């Protein structure tokens, strides 16, 4: 009889774990995308500086 009362709690725990994992994954993905964008902005700025120097030499 105790097993029947434990099963719904176990299912609820699985649902909460799935929701928690989904939120963690979304936040991790957003953080990784922000870091990637910062790196790309730095690269872009460096390329602009180099292209400005080359234009001045011409």
C-alpha atoms as a PDB file:
ATOM      1  CA  UNK A   1       0.000   0.000   0.000  1.00  0.00           C
ATOM      2  CA  UNK A   2       2.892   2.340   0.771  1.00  0.00           C
ATOM      3  CA  UNK A   3       4.317   1.809  -2.716  1.00  0.00           C
ATOM      4  CA  UNK A   4       1.173   3.262  -4.294  1.00  0.00           C
ATOM      5  CA  UNK A   5       1.517   6.469  -2.286  1.00  0.00           C
ATOM      6  CA  UNK A   6       5.227   6.750  -3.099  1.00  0.00           C
ATOM      7  CA  UNK A   7       4.781   6.452  -6.882  1.00  0.00           C
ATOM      8  CA  UNK A   8       3.025   9.840  -7.410  1.00  0.00           C
ATOM      9  CA  UNK A   9       5.703  11.593  -5.368  1.00  0.00           C
ATOM     10  CA  UNK A  10       8.379   9.907  -7.442  1.00  0.00           C
ATOM     11  CA  UNK A  11       6.708  11.036 -10.671  1.00  0.00           C
ATOM     12  CA  UNK A  12       6.452  14.594  -9.325  1.00  0.00           C
ATOM     13  CA  UNK A  13      10.155  14.493  -8.487  1.00  0.00           C
ATOM     14  CA  UNK A  14      10.962  13.427 -12.064  1.00  0.00           C
ATOM     15  CA  UNK A  15       8.852  16.276 -13.464  1.00  0.00           C
ATOM     16  CA  UNK A  16      10.571  18.811 -11.210  1.00  0.00           C
ATOM     17  CA  UNK A  17      13.976  17.420 -12.171  1.00  0.00           C
ATOM     18  CA  UNK A  18      13.114  17.718 -15.867  1.00  0.00           C
ATOM     19  CA  UNK A  19      11.975  21.320 -15.423  1.00  0.00           C
ATOM     20  CA  UNK A  20      15.091  22.149 -13.410  1.00  0.00           C
ATOM     21  CA  UNK A  21      17.346  20.591 -16.025  1.00  0.00           C
ATOM     22  CA  UNK A  22      15.580  22.509 -18.805  1.00  0.00           C
ATOM     23  CA  UNK A  23      16.055  25.822 -16.994  1.00  0.00           C
ATOM     24  CA  UNK A  24      19.711  25.041 -16.246  1.00  0.00           C
ATOM     25  CA  UNK A  25      20.329  24.089 -19.887  1.00  0.00           C
ATOM     26  CA  UNK A  26      18.685  27.266 -21.193  1.00  0.00           C
ATOM     27  CA  UNK A  27      20.714  29.473 -18.845  1.00  0.00           C
ATOM     28  CA  UNK A  28      23.952  27.674 -19.746  1.00  0.00           C
ATOM     29  CA  UNK A  29      23.203  28.073 -23.443  1.00  0.00           C
ATOM     30  CA  UNK A  30      22.494  31.796 -23.057  1.00  0.00           C
ATOM     31  CA  UNK A  31      25.731  32.270 -21.098  1.00  0.00           C
ATOM     32  CA  UNK A  32      27.756  30.443 -23.754  1.00  0.00           C
ATOM     33  CA  UNK A  33      26.183  32.547 -26.529  1.00  0.00           C
ATOM     34  CA  UNK A  34      27.003  35.775 -24.665  1.00  0.00           C
ATOM     35  CA  UNK A  35      30.637  34.701 -24.267  1.00  0.00           C
ATOM     36  CA  UNK A  36      30.801  33.789 -27.959  1.00  0.00           C
ATOM     37  CA  UNK A  37      29.384  37.187 -28.934  1.00  0.00           C
ATOM     38  CA  UNK A  38      31.933  38.997 -26.753  1.00  0.00           C
ATOM     39  CA  UNK A  39      34.788  37.102 -28.391  1.00  0.00           C
ATOM     40  CA  UNK A  40      33.420  37.807 -31.868  1.00  0.00           C
ATOM     41  CA  UNK A  41      33.073  41.512 -31.025  1.00  0.00           C
ATOM     42  CA  UNK A  42      36.718  41.604 -29.916  1.00  0.00           C
ATOM     43  CA  UNK A  43      37.818  39.899 -33.129  1.00  0.00           C
ATOM     44  CA  UNK A  44      35.727  42.297 -35.183  1.00  0.00           C
ATOM     45  CA  UNK A  45      37.223  45.312 -33.418  1.00  0.00           C
ATOM     46  CA  UNK A  46      40.764  44.022 -34.043  1.00  0.00           C
ATOM     47  CA  UNK A  47      40.012  43.418 -37.719  1.00  0.00           C
ATOM     48  CA  UNK A  48      38.614  46.956 -38.045  1.00  0.00           C
ATOM     49  CA  UNK A  49      41.776  48.384 -36.498  1.00  0.00           C
ATOM     50  CA  UNK A  50      43.955  46.440 -38.924  1.00  0.00           C
ATOM     51  CA  UNK A  51      41.871  47.489 -41.903  1.00  0.00           C
ATOM     52  CA  UNK A  52      42.062  51.141 -40.784  1.00  0.00           C
ATOM     53  CA  UNK A  53      45.858  50.909 -40.570  1.00  0.00           C
ATOM     54  CA  UNK A  54      46.089  49.391 -44.045  1.00  0.00           C
ATOM     55  CA  UNK A  55      43.846  52.127 -45.499  1.00  0.00           C
ATOM     56  CA  UNK A  56      46.078  54.806 -43.978  1.00  0.00           C
ATOM     57  CA  UNK A  57      49.134  53.221 -45.594  1.00  0.00           C
ATOM     58  CA  UNK A  58      47.591  53.436 -49.063  1.00  0.00           C
END
